[in-house]
Amino acid sequence: MECLPVHGDRIRAARKAQGWTRRQLAAASTVSERVIDNLERGVSHGTALGNVRLLADALGVPAAELQAGPLYTVRRGGAVND
């Protein structure tokens, strides 16, 4: 699975700029509220590339604005940078 590291604080700021709750962002993006919560709180530092695109589209921002680093691939046994 291809993943992107993301800045949870950037997701939170863009969400709040829309005046949305996490639940509203989840509904608009189809990304689960739990994933959004984990990213915003820094529990998770990355998510699937598709989730980043869905969040960015829902928030009306470029995906690069949410990105914290290069794309990486998650394989059984851990993450391997591409």
PDB file of N, CA and C in Angstrom:
ATOM      1  N   MET A   1       0.850  -1.168   0.000  1.00  0.00           N
ATOM      2  CA  MET A   1       0.000   0.000   0.000  1.00  0.00           C
ATOM      3  C   MET A   1       0.895   1.229   0.000  1.00  0.00           C
ATOM      4  N   GLU A   2       0.625   2.169  -0.878  1.00  0.00           N
ATOM      5  CA  GLU A   2       1.382   3.406  -0.918  1.00  0.00           C
ATOM      6  C   GLU A   2       0.817   4.382   0.111  1.00  0.00           C
ATOM      7  N   CYS A   3       1.693   4.958   0.908  1.00  0.00           N
ATOM      8  CA  CYS A   3       1.289   5.877   1.969  1.00  0.00           C
ATOM      9  C   CYS A   3       2.046   7.184   1.855  1.00  0.00           C
ATOM     10  N   LEU A   4       1.417   8.227   2.356  1.00  0.00           N
ATOM     11  CA  LEU A   4       2.057   9.534   2.439  1.00  0.00           C
ATOM     12  C   LEU A   4       2.087   9.974   3.890  1.00  0.00           C
ATOM     13  N   PRO A   5       3.229  10.454   4.347  1.00  0.00           N
ATOM     14  CA  PRO A   5       3.240  11.104   5.646  1.00  0.00           C
ATOM     15  C   PRO A   5       2.455  12.408   5.527  1.00  0.00           C
ATOM     16  N   VAL A   6       1.674  12.732   6.517  1.00  0.00           N
ATOM     17  CA  VAL A   6       0.876  13.954   6.472  1.00  0.00           C
ATOM     18  C   VAL A   6       1.041  14.749   7.755  1.00  0.00           C
ATOM     19  N   HIS A   7       0.791  16.055   7.646  1.00  0.00           N
ATOM     20  CA  HIS A   7       0.789  16.940   8.802  1.00  0.00           C
ATOM     21  C   HIS A   7      -0.628  16.986   9.346  1.00  0.00           C
ATOM     22  N   GLY A   8      -0.855  16.370  10.493  1.00  0.00           N
ATOM     23  CA  GLY A   8      -2.179  16.375  11.100  1.00  0.00           C
ATOM     24  C   GLY A   8      -2.665  17.769  11.428  1.00  0.00           C
ATOM     25  N   ASP A   9      -1.726  18.658  11.798  1.00  0.00           N
ATOM     26  CA  ASP A   9      -2.127  20.025  12.114  1.00  0.00           C
ATOM     27  C   ASP A   9      -2.640  20.757  10.884  1.00  0.00           C
ATOM     28  N   ARG A  10      -2.137  20.406   9.714  1.00  0.00           N
ATOM     29  CA  ARG A  10      -2.627  21.026   8.471  1.00  0.00           C
ATOM     30  C   ARG A  10      -4.028  20.530   8.134  1.00  0.00           C
ATOM     31  N   ILE A  11      -4.285  19.252   8.392  1.00  0.00           N
ATOM     32  CA  ILE A  11      -5.639  18.721   8.189  1.00  0.00           C
ATOM     33  C   ILE A  11      -6.598  19.437   9.124  1.00  0.00           C
ATOM     34  N   ARG A  12      -6.216  19.549  10.389  1.00  0.00           N
ATOM     35  CA  ARG A  12      -7.064  20.211  11.383  1.00  0.00           C
ATOM     36  C   ARG A  12      -7.340  21.665  10.995  1.00  0.00           C
ATOM     37  N   ALA A  13      -6.302  22.388  10.582  1.00  0.00           N
ATOM     38  CA  ALA A  13      -6.468  23.793  10.218  1.00  0.00           C
ATOM     39  C   ALA A  13      -7.402  23.951   9.019  1.00  0.00           C
ATOM     40  N   ALA A  14      -7.239  23.099   8.013  1.00  0.00           N
ATOM     41  CA  ALA A  14      -8.103  23.174   6.826  1.00  0.00           C
ATOM     42  C   ALA A  14      -9.537  22.796   7.182  1.00  0.00           C
ATOM     43  N   ARG A  15      -9.683  21.808   8.063  1.00  0.00           N
ATOM     44  CA  ARG A  15     -11.024  21.400   8.493  1.00  0.00           C
ATOM     45  C   ARG A  15     -11.705  22.530   9.256  1.00  0.00           C
ATOM     46  N   LYS A  16     -10.982  23.144  10.166  1.00  0.00           N
ATOM     47  CA  LYS A  16     -11.564  24.234  10.954  1.00  0.00           C
ATOM     48  C   LYS A  16     -11.866  25.448  10.087  1.00  0.00           C
ATOM     49  N   ALA A  17     -11.051  25.682   9.062  1.00  0.00           N
ATOM     50  CA  ALA A  17     -11.314  26.786   8.141  1.00  0.00           C
ATOM     51  C   ALA A  17     -12.652  26.588   7.414  1.00  0.00           C
ATOM     52  N   GLN A  18     -13.032  25.322   7.216  1.00  0.00           N
ATOM     53  CA  GLN A  18     -14.321  25.001   6.604  1.00  0.00           C
ATOM     54  C   GLN A  18     -15.456  25.076   7.630  1.00  0.00           C
ATOM     55  N   GLY A  19     -15.077  25.134   8.915  1.00  0.00           N
ATOM     56  CA  GLY A  19     -16.088  25.139   9.975  1.00  0.00           C
ATOM     57  C   GLY A  19     -16.678  23.759  10.228  1.00  0.00           C
ATOM     58  N   TRP A  20     -15.897  22.716   9.899  1.00  0.00           N
ATOM     59  CA  TRP A  20     -16.373  21.343  10.001  1.00  0.00           C
ATOM     60  C   TRP A  20     -15.863  20.650  11.255  1.00  0.00           C
ATOM     61  N   THR A  21     -16.651  19.698  11.714  1.00  0.00           N
ATOM     62  CA  THR A  21     -16.209  18.754  12.731  1.00  0.00           C
ATOM     63  C   THR A  21     -15.485  17.609  12.016  1.00  0.00           C
ATOM     64  N   ARG A  22     -14.841  16.754  12.783  1.00  0.00           N
ATOM     65  CA  ARG A  22     -14.214  15.569  12.179  1.00  0.00           C
ATOM     66  C   ARG A  22     -15.269  14.693  11.506  1.00  0.00           C
ATOM     67  N   ARG A  23     -16.424  14.596  12.127  1.00  0.00           N
ATOM     68  CA  ARG A  23     -17.505  13.783  11.555  1.00  0.00           C
ATOM     69  C   ARG A  23     -17.942  14.342  10.196  1.00  0.00           C
ATOM     70  N   GLN A  24     -18.027  15.660  10.096  1.00  0.00           N
ATOM     71  CA  GLN A  24     -18.434  16.277   8.824  1.00  0.00           C
ATOM     72  C   GLN A  24     -17.377  16.058   7.744  1.00  0.00           C
ATOM     73  N   LEU A  25     -16.107  16.159   8.120  1.00  0.00           N
ATOM     74  CA  LEU A  25     -15.039  15.891   7.156  1.00  0.00           C
ATOM     75  C   LEU A  25     -15.072  14.432   6.729  1.00  0.00           C
ATOM     76  N   ALA A  26     -15.309  13.544   7.659  1.00  0.00           N
ATOM     77  CA  ALA A  26     -15.399  12.121   7.319  1.00  0.00           C
ATOM     78  C   ALA A  26     -16.519  11.884   6.304  1.00  0.00           C
ATOM     79  N   ALA A  27     -17.658  12.507   6.525  1.00  0.00           N
ATOM     80  CA  ALA A  27     -18.786  12.336   5.604  1.00  0.00           C
ATOM     81  C   ALA A  27     -18.470  12.924   4.230  1.00  0.00           C
ATOM     82  N   ALA A  28     -17.813  14.079   4.212  1.00  0.00           N
ATOM     83  CA  ALA A  28     -17.506  14.744   2.935  1.00  0.00           C
ATOM     84  C   ALA A  28     -16.416  14.016   2.161  1.00  0.00           C
ATOM     85  N   SER A  29     -15.487  13.380   2.874  1.00  0.00           N
ATOM     86  CA  SER A  29     -14.332  12.764   2.217  1.00  0.00           C
ATOM     87  C   SER A  29     -14.437  11.255   2.054  1.00  0.00           C
ATOM     88  N   THR A  30     -15.300  10.616   2.800  1.00  0.00           N
ATOM     89  CA  THR A  30     -15.434   9.155   2.904  1.00  0.00           C
ATOM     90  C   THR A  30     -14.234   8.502   3.604  1.00  0.00           C
ATOM     91  N   VAL A  31     -13.380   9.302   4.236  1.00  0.00           N
ATOM     92  CA  VAL A  31     -12.302   8.779   5.070  1.00  0.00           C
ATOM     93  C   VAL A  31     -12.878   8.650   6.482  1.00  0.00           C
ATOM     94  N   SER A  32     -12.584   7.555   7.162  1.00  0.00           N
ATOM     95  CA  SER A  32     -13.210   7.329   8.461  1.00  0.00           C
ATOM     96  C   SER A  32     -12.820   8.405   9.478  1.00  0.00           C
ATOM     97  N   GLU A  33     -13.758   8.673  10.357  1.00  0.00           N
ATOM     98  CA  GLU A  33     -13.522   9.652  11.420  1.00  0.00           C
ATOM     99  C   GLU A  33     -12.338   9.227  12.286  1.00  0.00           C
ATOM    100  N   ARG A  34     -12.185   7.941  12.500  1.00  0.00           N
ATOM    101  CA  ARG A  34     -11.071   7.437  13.312  1.00  0.00           C
ATOM    102  C   ARG A  34      -9.727   7.740  12.651  1.00  0.00           C
ATOM    103  N   VAL A  35      -9.628   7.551  11.339  1.00  0.00           N
ATOM    104  CA  VAL A  35      -8.383   7.868  10.632  1.00  0.00           C
ATOM    105  C   VAL A  35      -8.082   9.352  10.760  1.00  0.00           C
ATOM    106  N   ILE A  36      -9.090  10.191  10.549  1.00  0.00           N
ATOM    107  CA  ILE A  36      -8.903  11.639  10.655  1.00  0.00           C
ATOM    108  C   ILE A  36      -8.455  12.011  12.063  1.00  0.00           C
ATOM    109  N   ASP A  37      -9.122  11.464  13.060  1.00  0.00           N
ATOM    110  CA  ASP A  37      -8.779  11.734  14.450  1.00  0.00           C
ATOM    111  C   ASP A  37      -7.330  11.331  14.737  1.00  0.00           C
ATOM    112  N   ASN A  38      -6.943  10.139  14.309  1.00  0.00           N
ATOM    113  CA  ASN A  38      -5.581   9.658  14.549  1.00  0.00           C
ATOM    114  C   ASN A  38      -4.533  10.528  13.856  1.00  0.00           C
ATOM    115  N   LEU A  39      -4.832  10.990  12.653  1.00  0.00           N
ATOM    116  CA  LEU A  39      -3.899  11.860  11.946  1.00  0.00           C
ATOM    117  C   LEU A  39      -3.775  13.211  12.629  1.00  0.00           C
ATOM    118  N   GLU A  40      -4.897  13.792  12.992  1.00  0.00           N
ATOM    119  CA  GLU A  40      -4.874  15.110  13.620  1.00  0.00           C
ATOM    120  C   GLU A  40      -4.171  15.084  14.980  1.00  0.00           C
ATOM    121  N   ARG A  41      -4.329  14.009  15.717  1.00  0.00           N
ATOM    122  CA  ARG A  41      -3.714  13.913  17.046  1.00  0.00           C
ATOM    123  C   ARG A  41      -2.278  13.415  16.991  1.00  0.00           C
ATOM    124  N   GLY A  42      -1.796  13.036  15.820  1.00  0.00           N
ATOM    125  CA  GLY A  42      -0.428  12.561  15.688  1.00  0.00           C
ATOM    126  C   GLY A  42      -0.234  11.118  16.079  1.00  0.00           C
ATOM    127  N   VAL A  43      -1.332  10.390  16.282  1.00  0.00           N
ATOM    128  CA  VAL A  43      -1.242   8.959  16.580  1.00  0.00           C
ATOM    129  C   VAL A  43      -0.743   8.223  15.343  1.00  0.00           C
ATOM    130  N   SER A  44      -1.236   8.636  14.184  1.00  0.00           N
ATOM    131  CA  SER A  44      -0.765   8.134  12.889  1.00  0.00           C
ATOM    132  C   SER A  44      -0.084   9.298  12.188  1.00  0.00           C
ATOM    133  N   HIS A  45       1.001   9.009  11.516  1.00  0.00           N
ATOM    134  CA  HIS A  45       1.734  10.066  10.821  1.00  0.00           C
ATOM    135  C   HIS A  45       1.606   9.965   9.311  1.00  0.00           C
ATOM    136  N   GLY A  46       0.872   8.965   8.841  1.00  0.00           N
ATOM    137  CA  GLY A  46       0.692   8.793   7.415  1.00  0.00           C
ATOM    138  C   GLY A  46      -0.559   7.995   7.139  1.00  0.00           C
ATOM    139  N   THR A  47      -1.006   8.067   5.910  1.00  0.00           N
ATOM    140  CA  THR A  47      -2.196   7.329   5.504  1.00  0.00           C
ATOM    141  C   THR A  47      -2.089   7.003   4.023  1.00  0.00           C
ATOM    142  N   ALA A  48      -2.991   6.176   3.550  1.00  0.00           N
ATOM    143  CA  ALA A  48      -2.989   5.767   2.149  1.00  0.00           C
ATOM    144  C   ALA A  48      -3.074   6.984   1.240  1.00  0.00           C
ATOM    145  N   LEU A  49      -2.368   6.912   0.135  1.00  0.00           N
ATOM    146  CA  LEU A  49      -2.365   7.991  -0.848  1.00  0.00           C
ATOM    147  C   LEU A  49      -3.783   8.378  -1.244  1.00  0.00           C
ATOM    148  N   GLY A  50      -4.654   7.390  -1.406  1.00  0.00           N
ATOM    149  CA  GLY A  50      -6.047   7.671  -1.760  1.00  0.00           C
ATOM    150  C   GLY A  50      -6.759   8.490  -0.703  1.00  0.00           C
ATOM    151  N   ASN A  51      -6.468   8.231   0.578  1.00  0.00           N
ATOM    152  CA  ASN A  51      -7.076   9.010   1.655  1.00  0.00           C
ATOM    153  C   ASN A  51      -6.622  10.455   1.621  1.00  0.00           C
ATOM    154  N   VAL A  52      -5.347  10.676   1.322  1.00  0.00           N
ATOM    155  CA  VAL A  52      -4.832  12.044   1.242  1.00  0.00           C
ATOM    156  C   VAL A  52      -5.572  12.798   0.133  1.00  0.00           C
ATOM    157  N   ARG A  53      -5.754  12.143  -0.994  1.00  0.00           N
ATOM    158  CA  ARG A  53      -6.477  12.784  -2.107  1.00  0.00           C
ATOM    159  C   ARG A  53      -7.930  13.069  -1.732  1.00  0.00           C
ATOM    160  N   LEU A  54      -8.583  12.112  -1.070  1.00  0.00           N
ATOM    161  CA  LEU A  54      -9.977  12.320  -0.661  1.00  0.00           C
ATOM    162  C   LEU A  54     -10.100  13.471   0.324  1.00  0.00           C
ATOM    163  N   LEU A  55      -9.193  13.526   1.295  1.00  0.00           N
ATOM    164  CA  LEU A  55      -9.222  14.614   2.275  1.00  0.00           C
ATOM    165  C   LEU A  55      -8.970  15.960   1.607  1.00  0.00           C
ATOM    166  N   ALA A  56      -7.962  16.011   0.746  1.00  0.00           N
ATOM    167  CA  ALA A  56      -7.635  17.259   0.061  1.00  0.00           C
ATOM    168  C   ALA A  56      -8.800  17.733  -0.805  1.00  0.00           C
ATOM    169  N   ASP A  57      -9.405  16.823  -1.546  1.00  0.00           N
ATOM    170  CA  ASP A  57     -10.543  17.190  -2.390  1.00  0.00           C
ATOM    171  C   ASP A  57     -11.697  17.728  -1.557  1.00  0.00           C
ATOM    172  N   ALA A  58     -12.006  17.052  -0.463  1.00  0.00           N
ATOM    173  CA  ALA A  58     -13.108  17.492   0.394  1.00  0.00           C
ATOM    174  C   ALA A  58     -12.819  18.856   1.010  1.00  0.00           C
ATOM    175  N   LEU A  59     -11.559  19.103   1.354  1.00  0.00           N
ATOM    176  CA  LEU A  59     -11.178  20.354   2.000  1.00  0.00           C
ATOM    177  C   LEU A  59     -10.897  21.481   1.005  1.00  0.00           C
ATOM    178  N   GLY A  60     -10.803  21.122  -0.265  1.00  0.00           N
ATOM    179  CA  GLY A  60     -10.542  22.130  -1.290  1.00  0.00           C
ATOM    180  C   GLY A  60      -9.116  22.660  -1.268  1.00  0.00           C
ATOM    181  N   VAL A  61      -8.181  21.792  -0.887  1.00  0.00           N
ATOM    182  CA  VAL A  61      -6.763  22.176  -0.861  1.00  0.00           C
ATOM    183  C   VAL A  61      -5.964  21.185  -1.700  1.00  0.00           C
ATOM    184  N   PRO A  62      -4.794  21.595  -2.179  1.00  0.00           N
ATOM    185  CA  PRO A  62      -3.941  20.637  -2.892  1.00  0.00           C
ATOM    186  C   PRO A  62      -3.446  19.554  -1.931  1.00  0.00           C
ATOM    187  N   ALA A  63      -3.346  18.343  -2.419  1.00  0.00           N
ATOM    188  CA  ALA A  63      -2.865  17.243  -1.581  1.00  0.00           C
ATOM    189  C   ALA A  63      -1.475  17.549  -1.020  1.00  0.00           C
ATOM    190  N   ALA A  64      -0.654  18.247  -1.787  1.00  0.00           N
ATOM    191  CA  ALA A  64       0.696  18.585  -1.334  1.00  0.00           C
ATOM    192  C   ALA A  64       0.673  19.443  -0.077  1.00  0.00           C
ATOM    193  N   GLU A  65      -0.398  20.188   0.128  1.00  0.00           N
ATOM    194  CA  GLU A  65      -0.505  21.021   1.325  1.00  0.00           C
ATOM    195  C   GLU A  65      -0.607  20.179   2.595  1.00  0.00           C
ATOM    196  N   LEU A  66      -1.128  18.972   2.464  1.00  0.00           N
ATOM    197  CA  LEU A  66      -1.274  18.076   3.614  1.00  0.00           C
ATOM    198  C   LEU A  66      -0.069  17.165   3.785  1.00  0.00           C
ATOM    199  N   GLN A  67       0.742  17.059   2.750  1.00  0.00           N
ATOM    200  CA  GLN A  67       1.850  16.114   2.722  1.00  0.00           C
ATOM    201  C   GLN A  67       3.020  16.573   3.576  1.00  0.00           C
ATOM    202  N   ALA A  68       3.620  15.625   4.289  1.00  0.00           N
ATOM    203  CA  ALA A  68       4.746  15.925   5.161  1.00  0.00           C
ATOM    204  C   ALA A  68       6.060  15.349   4.645  1.00  0.00           C
ATOM    205  N   GLY A  69       6.008  14.492   3.656  1.00  0.00           N
ATOM    206  CA  GLY A  69       7.231  13.852   3.187  1.00  0.00           C
ATOM    207  C   GLY A  69       6.971  13.024   1.948  1.00  0.00           C
ATOM    208  N   PRO A  70       7.965  12.269   1.519  1.00  0.00           N
ATOM    209  CA  PRO A  70       7.841  11.489   0.289  1.00  0.00           C
ATOM    210  C   PRO A  70       6.934  10.269   0.444  1.00  0.00           C
ATOM    211  N   LEU A  71       6.440   9.816  -0.673  1.00  0.00           N
ATOM    212  CA  LEU A  71       5.632   8.603  -0.742  1.00  0.00           C
ATOM    213  C   LEU A  71       6.457   7.418  -0.268  1.00  0.00           C
ATOM    214  N   TYR A  72       5.832   6.513   0.466  1.00  0.00           N
ATOM    215  CA  TYR A  72       6.514   5.283   0.857  1.00  0.00           C
ATOM    216  C   TYR A  72       5.549   4.121   0.735  1.00  0.00           C
ATOM    217  N   THR A  73       6.100   2.935   0.675  1.00  0.00           N
ATOM    218  CA  THR A  73       5.310   1.725   0.526  1.00  0.00           C
ATOM    219  C   THR A  73       5.354   0.938   1.822  1.00  0.00           C
ATOM    220  N   VAL A  74       4.177   0.498   2.275  1.00  0.00           N
ATOM    221  CA  VAL A  74       4.099  -0.323   3.474  1.00  0.00           C
ATOM    222  C   VAL A  74       3.969  -1.772   3.027  1.00  0.00           C
ATOM    223  N   ARG A  75       4.872  -2.584   3.517  1.00  0.00           N
ATOM    224  CA  ARG A  75       4.855  -4.016   3.217  1.00  0.00           C
ATOM    225  C   ARG A  75       4.801  -4.777   4.510  1.00  0.00           C
ATOM    226  N   ARG A  76       4.453  -6.019   4.439  1.00  0.00           N
ATOM    227  CA  ARG A  76       4.487  -6.844   5.656  1.00  0.00           C
ATOM    228  C   ARG A  76       5.858  -6.743   6.286  1.00  0.00           C
ATOM    229  N   GLY A  77       5.860  -6.465   7.569  1.00  0.00           N
ATOM    230  CA  GLY A  77       7.137  -6.351   8.267  1.00  0.00           C
ATOM    231  C   GLY A  77       7.637  -4.933   8.406  1.00  0.00           C
ATOM    232  N   GLY A  78       6.920  -3.938   7.827  1.00  0.00           N
ATOM    233  CA  GLY A  78       7.344  -2.557   8.030  1.00  0.00           C
ATOM    234  C   GLY A  78       7.307  -1.725   6.778  1.00  0.00           C
ATOM    235  N   ALA A  79       7.699  -0.473   6.933  1.00  0.00           N
ATOM    236  CA  ALA A  79       7.679   0.495   5.838  1.00  0.00           C
ATOM    237  C   ALA A  79       9.019   0.480   5.118  1.00  0.00           C
ATOM    238  N   VAL A  80       8.967   0.596   3.814  1.00  0.00           N
ATOM    239  CA  VAL A  80      10.157   0.651   2.989  1.00  0.00           C
ATOM    240  C   VAL A  80      10.046   1.896   2.131  1.00  0.00           C
ATOM    241  N   ASN A  81      10.997   2.821   2.242  1.00  0.00           N
ATOM    242  CA  ASN A  81      10.952   4.017   1.417  1.00  0.00           C
ATOM    243  C   ASN A  81      11.187   3.679  -0.037  1.00  0.00           C
ATOM    244  N   ASP A  82      10.447   4.346  -0.889  1.00  0.00           N
ATOM    245  CA  ASP A  82      10.633   4.178  -2.340  1.00  0.00           C
ATOM    246  C   ASP A  82      11.698   5.119  -2.842  1.00  0.00           C
TER     247      ASP A  82
END
